[in-house]
Amino acid sequence: MFSLGSWLPALPGLAWGWALLDALLQGLVGACAVSVLCSLLKVYLYIQCVNNPERQAEKEAIAAQRPLLEPLHVLVLTGVLALVGSRVAALVVLEFSLRAVSTVLSLGKGAHSSQLYLLCQYSLGCGVSCGLSFLLEGAAHRSWNLALAAGLAGLLALHARRLARHVCALYGLHSRARYCGVCILLLATGHGIPRLLRNALAVAFAVADLAAVELINRDFLSTGEAVRFWTPLTICYTLLVVYMQESRQSTGRGLVFRTVVVRMGGLFILLLTVGRWTDILHVFVSLLGELWCLLCSGVLLESCWRQ
């Protein structure tokens, strides 16, 4: 595998340093993807509240400025995604994909769930990280490619954040005065944001699922080893999906946090039998990442539950 370090003389620890840099860049791209998702959902939920007198308090909560929270969210999530190994990240992606398919099928044709978009934050970050790890494996100048991806992702996240701030500050005035092109466009097409997110997430998780299966299967030397891993994994994920369907009708922050603990607990028990000790550590890191994402999006989750 070639990267930026391949151009430099071989020095002790140099390869480890470039591997850490690659992991941080992958984590940054995943964190920026999560930031874009949250910004667009913030725009959509705010627009839904503008013309509803009963949701004015909700609108003010969404519009409240948190200048330090958003950069801190990206920074912490970058570190978490860099620490999580590709094996556990792949398992998180596959678990969410099964859960998402089950939820979408149960919602019915044409329906969507904004709450599901918020619950996929950490899984999306893991999916982007897995996809980059798989697509850039063996690529010449891997670090340069990741740096370019991180720059583009950061630029996109910055513009999405600026859009959310503009909407929260001026959408009410501009949509009535009809002289801001951005707000007029959102007034006409803002209802299509969930469909845009659904299509983008479908593509992202389709690539991530293929990458996740490949990343997991590369550790097996025989079909028997693969069967001994995938059989308990399938049983565990099936039970988790059934549990999620039984509790889907309930809402509340306590339930969301409890389901995260149940999912990570199931993954922990599974990896105790078929995983490695590093996988166990990565599960705890993943639990922190999931809880962090939910804490940072608490206001948006409350808005989704009221819809």
C-alpha atoms as a PDB file:
ATOM      1  CA  MET A   1       0.000   0.000   0.000  1.00  0.00           C
ATOM      2  CA  PHE A   2       1.486   3.339  -1.049  1.00  0.00           C
ATOM      3  CA  SER A   3       0.794   6.679   0.547  1.00  0.00           C
ATOM      4  CA  LEU A   4       2.483   9.970   1.217  1.00  0.00           C
ATOM      5  CA  GLY A   5       5.037   8.137   3.353  1.00  0.00           C
ATOM      6  CA  SER A   6       6.198   6.100   0.338  1.00  0.00           C
ATOM      7  CA  TRP A   7       7.987   9.201  -0.984  1.00  0.00           C
ATOM      8  CA  LEU A   8      10.051   9.581   2.190  1.00  0.00           C
ATOM      9  CA  PRO A   9      13.011   7.491   3.419  1.00  0.00           C
ATOM     10  CA  ALA A  10      12.181   4.547   5.675  1.00  0.00           C
ATOM     11  CA  LEU A  11      12.456   5.617   9.304  1.00  0.00           C
ATOM     12  CA  PRO A  12      11.397   3.814  12.507  1.00  0.00           C
ATOM     13  CA  GLY A  13       7.771   4.580  13.268  1.00  0.00           C
ATOM     14  CA  LEU A  14       7.217   6.520  10.059  1.00  0.00           C
ATOM     15  CA  ALA A  15       4.786   3.957   8.641  1.00  0.00           C
ATOM     16  CA  TRP A  16       2.798   4.022  11.886  1.00  0.00           C
ATOM     17  CA  GLY A  17       2.639   7.807  11.719  1.00  0.00           C
ATOM     18  CA  TRP A  18       1.267   7.841   8.179  1.00  0.00           C
ATOM     19  CA  ALA A  19      -1.241   5.128   9.094  1.00  0.00           C
ATOM     20  CA  LEU A  20      -2.466   7.353  11.943  1.00  0.00           C
ATOM     21  CA  LEU A  21      -2.718  10.310   9.575  1.00  0.00           C
ATOM     22  CA  ASP A  22      -4.765   8.227   7.129  1.00  0.00           C
ATOM     23  CA  ALA A  23      -7.082   7.136   9.944  1.00  0.00           C
ATOM     24  CA  LEU A  24      -7.601  10.747  11.058  1.00  0.00           C
ATOM     25  CA  LEU A  25      -8.343  11.870   7.509  1.00  0.00           C
ATOM     26  CA  GLN A  26     -10.864   9.045   7.048  1.00  0.00           C
ATOM     27  CA  GLY A  27     -12.486   9.993  10.341  1.00  0.00           C
ATOM     28  CA  LEU A  28     -12.640  13.631   9.296  1.00  0.00           C
ATOM     29  CA  VAL A  29     -14.433  12.759   6.045  1.00  0.00           C
ATOM     30  CA  GLY A  30     -16.957  10.659   7.975  1.00  0.00           C
ATOM     31  CA  ALA A  31     -17.489  13.411  10.558  1.00  0.00           C
ATOM     32  CA  CYS A  32     -18.054  15.982   7.785  1.00  0.00           C
ATOM     33  CA  ALA A  33     -20.649  13.682   6.204  1.00  0.00           C
ATOM     34  CA  VAL A  34     -22.484  13.551   9.540  1.00  0.00           C
ATOM     35  CA  SER A  35     -22.263  17.344   9.824  1.00  0.00           C
ATOM     36  CA  VAL A  36     -23.852  17.795   6.382  1.00  0.00           C
ATOM     37  CA  LEU A  37     -26.656  15.387   7.330  1.00  0.00           C
ATOM     38  CA  CYS A  38     -27.421  17.260  10.564  1.00  0.00           C
ATOM     39  CA  SER A  39     -27.313  20.676   8.868  1.00  0.00           C
ATOM     40  CA  LEU A  40     -29.775  19.652   6.155  1.00  0.00           C
ATOM     41  CA  LEU A  41     -32.111  18.076   8.701  1.00  0.00           C
ATOM     42  CA  LYS A  42     -31.923  21.243  10.767  1.00  0.00           C
ATOM     43  CA  VAL A  43     -32.963  23.256   7.719  1.00  0.00           C
ATOM     44  CA  TYR A  44     -35.864  20.909   6.969  1.00  0.00           C
ATOM     45  CA  LEU A  45     -37.189  20.791  10.540  1.00  0.00           C
ATOM     46  CA  TYR A  46     -36.921  24.561  10.923  1.00  0.00           C
ATOM     47  CA  ILE A  47     -38.887  25.167   7.729  1.00  0.00           C
ATOM     48  CA  GLN A  48     -41.587  22.805   8.986  1.00  0.00           C
ATOM     49  CA  CYS A  49     -41.922  24.859  12.174  1.00  0.00           C
ATOM     50  CA  VAL A  50     -41.974  28.355  10.636  1.00  0.00           C
ATOM     51  CA  ASN A  51     -45.637  28.454   9.606  1.00  0.00           C
ATOM     52  CA  ASN A  52     -46.991  26.421  12.500  1.00  0.00           C
ATOM     53  CA  PRO A  53     -47.977  28.612  15.493  1.00  0.00           C
ATOM     54  CA  GLU A  54     -48.006  25.585  17.777  1.00  0.00           C
ATOM     55  CA  ARG A  55     -44.318  24.878  17.113  1.00  0.00           C
ATOM     56  CA  GLN A  56     -42.819  28.315  17.770  1.00  0.00           C
ATOM     57  CA  ALA A  57     -40.973  27.170  20.891  1.00  0.00           C
ATOM     58  CA  GLU A  58     -39.620  24.244  18.915  1.00  0.00           C
ATOM     59  CA  LYS A  59     -38.506  26.634  16.156  1.00  0.00           C
ATOM     60  CA  GLU A  60     -36.643  28.803  18.656  1.00  0.00           C
ATOM     61  CA  ALA A  61     -34.909  25.764  20.120  1.00  0.00           C
ATOM     62  CA  ILE A  62     -33.733  24.656  16.673  1.00  0.00           C
ATOM     63  CA  ALA A  63     -32.551  28.164  15.784  1.00  0.00           C
ATOM     64  CA  ALA A  64     -30.602  28.627  19.018  1.00  0.00           C
ATOM     65  CA  GLN A  65     -26.956  29.335  18.156  1.00  0.00           C
ATOM     66  CA  ARG A  66     -24.382  26.881  19.478  1.00  0.00           C
ATOM     67  CA  PRO A  67     -21.146  28.249  18.000  1.00  0.00           C
ATOM     68  CA  LEU A  68     -18.834  25.841  19.811  1.00  0.00           C
ATOM     69  CA  LEU A  69     -20.938  22.677  19.714  1.00  0.00           C
ATOM     70  CA  GLU A  70     -20.786  22.035  15.971  1.00  0.00           C
ATOM     71  CA  PRO A  71     -16.965  22.252  15.598  1.00  0.00           C
ATOM     72  CA  LEU A  72     -16.595  20.215  18.792  1.00  0.00           C
ATOM     73  CA  HIS A  73     -18.999  17.617  17.405  1.00  0.00           C
ATOM     74  CA  VAL A  74     -16.891  17.225  14.249  1.00  0.00           C
ATOM     75  CA  LEU A  75     -13.647  17.114  16.236  1.00  0.00           C
ATOM     76  CA  VAL A  76     -14.806  14.453  18.707  1.00  0.00           C
ATOM     77  CA  LEU A  77     -16.424  12.353  16.003  1.00  0.00           C
ATOM     78  CA  THR A  78     -13.237  12.515  13.927  1.00  0.00           C
ATOM     79  CA  GLY A  79     -11.261  11.114  16.845  1.00  0.00           C
ATOM     80  CA  VAL A  80     -13.804   8.374  17.530  1.00  0.00           C
ATOM     81  CA  LEU A  81     -13.966   7.251  13.890  1.00  0.00           C
ATOM     82  CA  ALA A  82     -10.163   7.254  13.696  1.00  0.00           C
ATOM     83  CA  LEU A  83      -9.929   5.001  16.755  1.00  0.00           C
ATOM     84  CA  VAL A  84     -12.597   2.493  15.699  1.00  0.00           C
ATOM     85  CA  GLY A  85     -11.135  -0.404  13.750  1.00  0.00           C
ATOM     86  CA  SER A  86     -12.431  -1.310  10.317  1.00  0.00           C
ATOM     87  CA  ARG A  87     -13.842  -4.616  11.624  1.00  0.00           C
ATOM     88  CA  VAL A  88     -16.165  -3.070  14.230  1.00  0.00           C
ATOM     89  CA  ALA A  89     -17.036  -0.177  11.909  1.00  0.00           C
ATOM     90  CA  ALA A  90     -18.081  -2.714   9.287  1.00  0.00           C
ATOM     91  CA  LEU A  91     -20.292  -4.532  11.809  1.00  0.00           C
ATOM     92  CA  VAL A  92     -21.944  -1.242  12.834  1.00  0.00           C
ATOM     93  CA  VAL A  93     -22.685  -0.453   9.178  1.00  0.00           C
ATOM     94  CA  LEU A  94     -24.240  -3.872   8.502  1.00  0.00           C
ATOM     95  CA  GLU A  95     -26.363  -3.711  11.656  1.00  0.00           C
ATOM     96  CA  PHE A  96     -27.780  -0.305  10.788  1.00  0.00           C
ATOM     97  CA  SER A  97     -28.446  -1.315   7.176  1.00  0.00           C
ATOM     98  CA  LEU A  98     -30.593  -4.250   8.303  1.00  0.00           C
ATOM     99  CA  ARG A  99     -32.386  -2.053  10.805  1.00  0.00           C
ATOM    100  CA  ALA A 100     -32.984   0.677   8.234  1.00  0.00           C
ATOM    101  CA  VAL A 101     -34.401  -1.749   5.653  1.00  0.00           C
ATOM    102  CA  SER A 102     -36.731  -3.218   8.273  1.00  0.00           C
ATOM    103  CA  THR A 103     -37.884   0.246   9.375  1.00  0.00           C
ATOM    104  CA  VAL A 104     -38.472   1.507   5.825  1.00  0.00           C
ATOM    105  CA  LEU A 105     -40.499  -1.591   4.928  1.00  0.00           C
ATOM    106  CA  SER A 106     -42.630  -1.224   8.054  1.00  0.00           C
ATOM    107  CA  LEU A 107     -43.283   2.477   7.389  1.00  0.00           C
ATOM    108  CA  GLY A 108     -44.883   1.737   4.044  1.00  0.00           C
ATOM    109  CA  LYS A 109     -44.411   3.046   0.543  1.00  0.00           C
ATOM    110  CA  GLY A 110     -43.701   6.755   0.257  1.00  0.00           C
ATOM    111  CA  ALA A 111     -43.215   7.289   3.975  1.00  0.00           C
ATOM    112  CA  HIS A 112     -40.049   8.523   5.596  1.00  0.00           C
ATOM    113  CA  SER A 113     -38.736   8.914   9.107  1.00  0.00           C
ATOM    114  CA  SER A 114     -36.619  11.938   9.976  1.00  0.00           C
ATOM    115  CA  GLN A 115     -35.731  10.238  13.230  1.00  0.00           C
ATOM    116  CA  LEU A 116     -34.057   7.419  11.305  1.00  0.00           C
ATOM    117  CA  TYR A 117     -31.801   9.943   9.586  1.00  0.00           C
ATOM    118  CA  LEU A 118     -30.627  11.224  12.955  1.00  0.00           C
ATOM    119  CA  LEU A 119     -30.122   7.734  14.363  1.00  0.00           C
ATOM    120  CA  CYS A 120     -27.832   6.849  11.460  1.00  0.00           C
ATOM    121  CA  GLN A 121     -25.251   9.538  12.225  1.00  0.00           C
ATOM    122  CA  TYR A 122     -22.557   7.343  13.708  1.00  0.00           C
ATOM    123  CA  SER A 123     -23.314   4.500  11.297  1.00  0.00           C
ATOM    124  CA  LEU A 124     -22.922   6.929   8.395  1.00  0.00           C
ATOM    125  CA  GLY A 125     -19.525   7.997   9.701  1.00  0.00           C
ATOM    126  CA  CYS A 126     -18.461   4.358   9.985  1.00  0.00           C
ATOM    127  CA  GLY A 127     -19.817   3.658   6.500  1.00  0.00           C
ATOM    128  CA  VAL A 128     -17.868   6.502   4.912  1.00  0.00           C
ATOM    129  CA  SER A 129     -14.724   5.393   6.724  1.00  0.00           C
ATOM    130  CA  CYS A 130     -15.193   1.772   5.590  1.00  0.00           C
ATOM    131  CA  GLY A 131     -15.907   2.833   2.029  1.00  0.00           C
ATOM    132  CA  LEU A 132     -12.776   4.975   1.842  1.00  0.00           C
ATOM    133  CA  SER A 133     -10.651   2.245   3.398  1.00  0.00           C
ATOM    134  CA  PHE A 134     -11.876  -0.246   0.800  1.00  0.00           C
ATOM    135  CA  LEU A 135     -11.849   2.020  -2.262  1.00  0.00           C
ATOM    136  CA  LEU A 136      -8.381   3.453  -1.572  1.00  0.00           C
ATOM    137  CA  GLU A 137      -6.746   0.177  -0.598  1.00  0.00           C
ATOM    138  CA  GLY A 138      -3.594  -0.185  -2.629  1.00  0.00           C
ATOM    139  CA  ALA A 139      -4.019   3.247  -4.208  1.00  0.00           C
ATOM    140  CA  ALA A 140      -0.900   5.183  -5.062  1.00  0.00           C
ATOM    141  CA  HIS A 141      -0.536   8.247  -2.818  1.00  0.00           C
ATOM    142  CA  ARG A 142      -3.386   7.184  -0.558  1.00  0.00           C
ATOM    143  CA  SER A 143      -2.751  10.014   1.913  1.00  0.00           C
ATOM    144  CA  TRP A 144      -2.997  12.646  -0.803  1.00  0.00           C
ATOM    145  CA  ASN A 145      -6.315  11.187  -1.943  1.00  0.00           C
ATOM    146  CA  LEU A 146      -7.635  11.222   1.625  1.00  0.00           C
ATOM    147  CA  ALA A 147      -6.430  14.797   2.126  1.00  0.00           C
ATOM    148  CA  LEU A 148      -8.294  15.869  -1.019  1.00  0.00           C
ATOM    149  CA  ALA A 149     -11.429  14.020   0.127  1.00  0.00           C
ATOM    150  CA  ALA A 150     -11.180  15.638   3.568  1.00  0.00           C
ATOM    151  CA  GLY A 151     -10.820  19.089   2.024  1.00  0.00           C
ATOM    152  CA  LEU A 152     -13.850  18.648  -0.216  1.00  0.00           C
ATOM    153  CA  ALA A 153     -15.907  17.153   2.628  1.00  0.00           C
ATOM    154  CA  GLY A 154     -14.924  20.014   4.931  1.00  0.00           C
ATOM    155  CA  LEU A 155     -15.917  22.574   2.317  1.00  0.00           C
ATOM    156  CA  LEU A 156     -19.293  20.896   1.813  1.00  0.00           C
ATOM    157  CA  ALA A 157     -19.884  20.707   5.572  1.00  0.00           C
ATOM    158  CA  LEU A 158     -18.991  24.390   5.968  1.00  0.00           C
ATOM    159  CA  HIS A 159     -21.468  25.474   3.282  1.00  0.00           C
ATOM    160  CA  ALA A 160     -24.193  23.248   4.746  1.00  0.00           C
ATOM    161  CA  ARG A 161     -23.617  24.779   8.173  1.00  0.00           C
ATOM    162  CA  ARG A 162     -23.780  28.295   6.708  1.00  0.00           C
ATOM    163  CA  LEU A 163     -27.036  27.393   4.976  1.00  0.00           C
ATOM    164  CA  ALA A 164     -28.514  26.206   8.270  1.00  0.00           C
ATOM    165  CA  ARG A 165     -27.458  29.416  10.021  1.00  0.00           C
ATOM    166  CA  HIS A 166     -28.877  31.561   7.225  1.00  0.00           C
ATOM    167  CA  VAL A 167     -32.205  29.728   7.303  1.00  0.00           C
ATOM    168  CA  CYS A 168     -32.519  29.902  11.087  1.00  0.00           C
ATOM    169  CA  ALA A 169     -31.739  33.622  11.098  1.00  0.00           C
ATOM    170  CA  LEU A 170     -33.506  34.950   8.012  1.00  0.00           C
ATOM    171  CA  TYR A 171     -35.815  32.365   6.454  1.00  0.00           C
ATOM    172  CA  GLY A 172     -38.970  33.770   8.074  1.00  0.00           C
ATOM    173  CA  LEU A 173     -38.295  37.247   6.713  1.00  0.00           C
ATOM    174  CA  HIS A 174     -36.933  36.243   3.317  1.00  0.00           C
ATOM    175  CA  SER A 175     -39.669  33.744   2.549  1.00  0.00           C
ATOM    176  CA  ARG A 176     -42.281  36.467   3.040  1.00  0.00           C
ATOM    177  CA  ALA A 177     -40.389  39.228   1.243  1.00  0.00           C
ATOM    178  CA  ARG A 178     -39.466  36.900  -1.649  1.00  0.00           C
ATOM    179  CA  TYR A 179     -36.124  38.517  -2.432  1.00  0.00           C
ATOM    180  CA  CYS A 180     -33.611  35.879  -1.308  1.00  0.00           C
ATOM    181  CA  GLY A 181     -32.954  33.240  -3.943  1.00  0.00           C
ATOM    182  CA  VAL A 182     -31.883  30.595  -1.421  1.00  0.00           C
ATOM    183  CA  CYS A 183     -34.952  31.032   0.771  1.00  0.00           C
ATOM    184  CA  ILE A 184     -37.286  31.134  -2.243  1.00  0.00           C
ATOM    185  CA  LEU A 185     -35.753  27.873  -3.461  1.00  0.00           C
ATOM    186  CA  LEU A 186     -36.239  26.287  -0.041  1.00  0.00           C
ATOM    187  CA  LEU A 187     -39.798  27.600   0.101  1.00  0.00           C
ATOM    188  CA  ALA A 188     -40.560  25.768  -3.138  1.00  0.00           C
ATOM    189  CA  THR A 189     -38.478  22.631  -2.719  1.00  0.00           C
ATOM    190  CA  GLY A 190     -37.701  22.378   1.014  1.00  0.00           C
ATOM    191  CA  HIS A 191     -40.167  19.519   1.414  1.00  0.00           C
ATOM    192  CA  GLY A 192     -37.917  17.412  -0.829  1.00  0.00           C
ATOM    193  CA  ILE A 193     -34.948  17.428   1.568  1.00  0.00           C
ATOM    194  CA  PRO A 194     -35.894  14.054   3.132  1.00  0.00           C
ATOM    195  CA  ARG A 195     -36.058  12.464  -0.320  1.00  0.00           C
ATOM    196  CA  LEU A 196     -32.640  13.914  -1.166  1.00  0.00           C
ATOM    197  CA  LEU A 197     -31.191  12.554   2.066  1.00  0.00           C
ATOM    198  CA  ARG A 198     -32.826   9.172   1.531  1.00  0.00           C
ATOM    199  CA  ASN A 199     -31.283   8.791  -1.919  1.00  0.00           C
ATOM    200  CA  ALA A 200     -27.855   9.979  -0.775  1.00  0.00           C
ATOM    201  CA  LEU A 201     -27.867   7.673   2.245  1.00  0.00           C
ATOM    202  CA  ALA A 202     -29.006   4.732   0.120  1.00  0.00           C
ATOM    203  CA  VAL A 203     -25.983   5.168  -2.163  1.00  0.00           C
ATOM    204  CA  ALA A 204     -23.601   5.721   0.752  1.00  0.00           C
ATOM    205  CA  PHE A 205     -24.745   2.629   2.642  1.00  0.00           C
ATOM    206  CA  ALA A 206     -24.838   0.470  -0.495  1.00  0.00           C
ATOM    207  CA  VAL A 207     -21.136   1.173  -1.037  1.00  0.00           C
ATOM    208  CA  ALA A 208     -20.438   0.850   2.689  1.00  0.00           C
ATOM    209  CA  ASP A 209     -22.167  -2.544   2.914  1.00  0.00           C
ATOM    210  CA  LEU A 210     -20.102  -3.976   0.061  1.00  0.00           C
ATOM    211  CA  ALA A 211     -16.946  -2.604   1.649  1.00  0.00           C
ATOM    212  CA  ALA A 212     -17.955  -3.925   5.084  1.00  0.00           C
ATOM    213  CA  VAL A 213     -18.521  -7.482   3.833  1.00  0.00           C
ATOM    214  CA  GLU A 214     -15.170  -7.460   2.044  1.00  0.00           C
ATOM    215  CA  LEU A 215     -13.321  -6.032   5.057  1.00  0.00           C
ATOM    216  CA  ILE A 216     -14.757  -8.711   7.334  1.00  0.00           C
ATOM    217  CA  ASN A 217     -14.223 -11.641   4.969  1.00  0.00           C
ATOM    218  CA  ARG A 218     -10.563 -10.854   4.391  1.00  0.00           C
ATOM    219  CA  ASP A 219      -9.760 -12.062   7.927  1.00  0.00           C
ATOM    220  CA  PHE A 220     -10.953 -15.626   7.233  1.00  0.00           C
ATOM    221  CA  LEU A 221      -8.634 -18.251   5.826  1.00  0.00           C
ATOM    222  CA  SER A 222     -11.361 -20.815   5.094  1.00  0.00           C
ATOM    223  CA  THR A 223     -15.086 -21.088   4.515  1.00  0.00           C
ATOM    224  CA  GLY A 224     -15.505 -22.819   7.875  1.00  0.00           C
ATOM    225  CA  GLU A 225     -14.101 -19.816   9.739  1.00  0.00           C
ATOM    226  CA  ALA A 226     -16.419 -17.513   7.830  1.00  0.00           C
ATOM    227  CA  VAL A 227     -19.450 -19.662   8.656  1.00  0.00           C
ATOM    228  CA  ARG A 228     -18.526 -19.747  12.356  1.00  0.00           C
ATOM    229  CA  PHE A 229     -18.478 -15.954  12.342  1.00  0.00           C
ATOM    230  CA  TRP A 230     -21.444 -15.109  10.117  1.00  0.00           C
ATOM    231  CA  THR A 231     -23.892 -17.587  11.702  1.00  0.00           C
ATOM    232  CA  PRO A 232     -23.936 -16.058  15.227  1.00  0.00           C
ATOM    233  CA  LEU A 233     -23.717 -12.606  13.671  1.00  0.00           C
ATOM    234  CA  THR A 234     -26.869 -13.226  11.622  1.00  0.00           C
ATOM    235  CA  ILE A 235     -28.730 -14.568  14.665  1.00  0.00           C
ATOM    236  CA  CYS A 236     -27.627 -11.612  16.785  1.00  0.00           C
ATOM    237  CA  TYR A 237     -28.649  -9.041  14.193  1.00  0.00           C
ATOM    238  CA  THR A 238     -32.004 -10.742  13.599  1.00  0.00           C
ATOM    239  CA  LEU A 239     -32.809 -10.541  17.308  1.00  0.00           C
ATOM    240  CA  LEU A 240     -31.763  -6.895  17.370  1.00  0.00           C
ATOM    241  CA  VAL A 241     -34.019  -6.054  14.419  1.00  0.00           C
ATOM    242  CA  VAL A 242     -36.958  -7.807  16.096  1.00  0.00           C
ATOM    243  CA  TYR A 243     -36.301  -5.859  19.286  1.00  0.00           C
ATOM    244  CA  MET A 244     -36.184  -2.574  17.382  1.00  0.00           C
ATOM    245  CA  GLN A 245     -39.476  -3.326  15.628  1.00  0.00           C
ATOM    246  CA  GLU A 246     -41.203  -4.090  18.919  1.00  0.00           C
ATOM    247  CA  SER A 247     -40.077  -0.789  20.425  1.00  0.00           C
ATOM    248  CA  ARG A 248     -40.469   1.354  17.277  1.00  0.00           C
ATOM    249  CA  GLN A 249     -43.878   2.720  18.261  1.00  0.00           C
ATOM    250  CA  SER A 250     -42.479   4.205  21.463  1.00  0.00           C
ATOM    251  CA  THR A 251     -40.596   7.491  21.517  1.00  0.00           C
ATOM    252  CA  GLY A 252     -38.464   9.317  24.009  1.00  0.00           C
ATOM    253  CA  ARG A 253     -34.845  10.063  24.684  1.00  0.00           C
ATOM    254  CA  GLY A 254     -34.581   7.296  27.287  1.00  0.00           C
ATOM    255  CA  LEU A 255     -35.723   4.682  24.773  1.00  0.00           C
ATOM    256  CA  VAL A 256     -33.211   5.849  22.161  1.00  0.00           C
ATOM    257  CA  PHE A 257     -30.302   5.631  24.577  1.00  0.00           C
ATOM    258  CA  ARG A 258     -31.503   2.267  25.838  1.00  0.00           C
ATOM    259  CA  THR A 259     -31.638   0.811  22.332  1.00  0.00           C
ATOM    260  CA  VAL A 260     -28.088   2.028  21.674  1.00  0.00           C
ATOM    261  CA  VAL A 261     -26.878   0.234  24.799  1.00  0.00           C
ATOM    262  CA  VAL A 262     -28.787  -2.925  23.797  1.00  0.00           C
ATOM    263  CA  ARG A 263     -27.313  -2.910  20.271  1.00  0.00           C
ATOM    264  CA  MET A 264     -23.757  -2.353  21.442  1.00  0.00           C
ATOM    265  CA  GLY A 265     -24.253  -4.886  24.219  1.00  0.00           C
ATOM    266  CA  GLY A 266     -25.309  -7.495  21.661  1.00  0.00           C
ATOM    267  CA  LEU A 267     -22.282  -6.679  19.520  1.00  0.00           C
ATOM    268  CA  PHE A 268     -20.056  -6.898  22.602  1.00  0.00           C
ATOM    269  CA  ILE A 269     -21.350 -10.354  23.529  1.00  0.00           C
ATOM    270  CA  LEU A 270     -20.959 -11.530  19.943  1.00  0.00           C
ATOM    271  CA  LEU A 271     -17.351 -10.367  19.714  1.00  0.00           C
ATOM    272  CA  LEU A 272     -16.531 -11.962  23.055  1.00  0.00           C
ATOM    273  CA  THR A 273     -17.025 -15.311  21.342  1.00  0.00           C
ATOM    274  CA  VAL A 274     -15.834 -14.699  17.765  1.00  0.00           C
ATOM    275  CA  GLY A 275     -13.830 -11.472  17.958  1.00  0.00           C
ATOM    276  CA  ARG A 276     -10.492 -10.188  19.183  1.00  0.00           C
ATOM    277  CA  TRP A 277      -9.592  -8.177  22.243  1.00  0.00           C
ATOM    278  CA  THR A 278      -9.113  -5.066  20.115  1.00  0.00           C
ATOM    279  CA  ASP A 279     -12.678  -5.502  18.817  1.00  0.00           C
ATOM    280  CA  ILE A 280     -13.957  -5.344  22.397  1.00  0.00           C
ATOM    281  CA  LEU A 281     -12.165  -2.035  22.923  1.00  0.00           C
ATOM    282  CA  HIS A 282     -13.548  -0.684  19.664  1.00  0.00           C
ATOM    283  CA  VAL A 283     -17.101  -1.581  20.724  1.00  0.00           C
ATOM    284  CA  PHE A 284     -16.758   0.664  23.769  1.00  0.00           C
ATOM    285  CA  VAL A 285     -15.400   3.449  21.552  1.00  0.00           C
ATOM    286  CA  SER A 286     -18.387   2.948  19.233  1.00  0.00           C
ATOM    287  CA  LEU A 287     -20.771   3.188  22.175  1.00  0.00           C
ATOM    288  CA  LEU A 288     -19.251   6.550  23.095  1.00  0.00           C
ATOM    289  CA  GLY A 289     -19.568   7.688  19.489  1.00  0.00           C
ATOM    290  CA  GLU A 290     -23.241   6.718  19.287  1.00  0.00           C
ATOM    291  CA  LEU A 291     -24.070   8.435  22.578  1.00  0.00           C
ATOM    292  CA  TRP A 292     -22.158  11.556  21.567  1.00  0.00           C
ATOM    293  CA  CYS A 293     -24.083  11.867  18.304  1.00  0.00           C
ATOM    294  CA  LEU A 294     -27.406  11.490  20.097  1.00  0.00           C
ATOM    295  CA  LEU A 295     -26.496  14.041  22.751  1.00  0.00           C
ATOM    296  CA  CYS A 296     -25.471  16.621  20.144  1.00  0.00           C
ATOM    297  CA  SER A 297     -28.706  16.152  18.164  1.00  0.00           C
ATOM    298  CA  GLY A 298     -31.088  16.121  21.129  1.00  0.00           C
ATOM    299  CA  VAL A 299     -33.072  19.167  19.956  1.00  0.00           C
ATOM    300  CA  LEU A 300     -33.543  17.735  16.466  1.00  0.00           C
ATOM    301  CA  LEU A 301     -34.651  14.387  17.887  1.00  0.00           C
ATOM    302  CA  GLU A 302     -37.253  16.130  20.032  1.00  0.00           C
ATOM    303  CA  SER A 303     -38.538  17.900  16.929  1.00  0.00           C
ATOM    304  CA  CYS A 304     -38.797  14.607  15.031  1.00  0.00           C
ATOM    305  CA  TRP A 305     -40.806  13.021  17.818  1.00  0.00           C
ATOM    306  CA  ARG A 306     -43.315  15.904  17.751  1.00  0.00           C
ATOM    307  CA  GLN A 307     -43.949  15.584  14.011  1.00  0.00           C
END
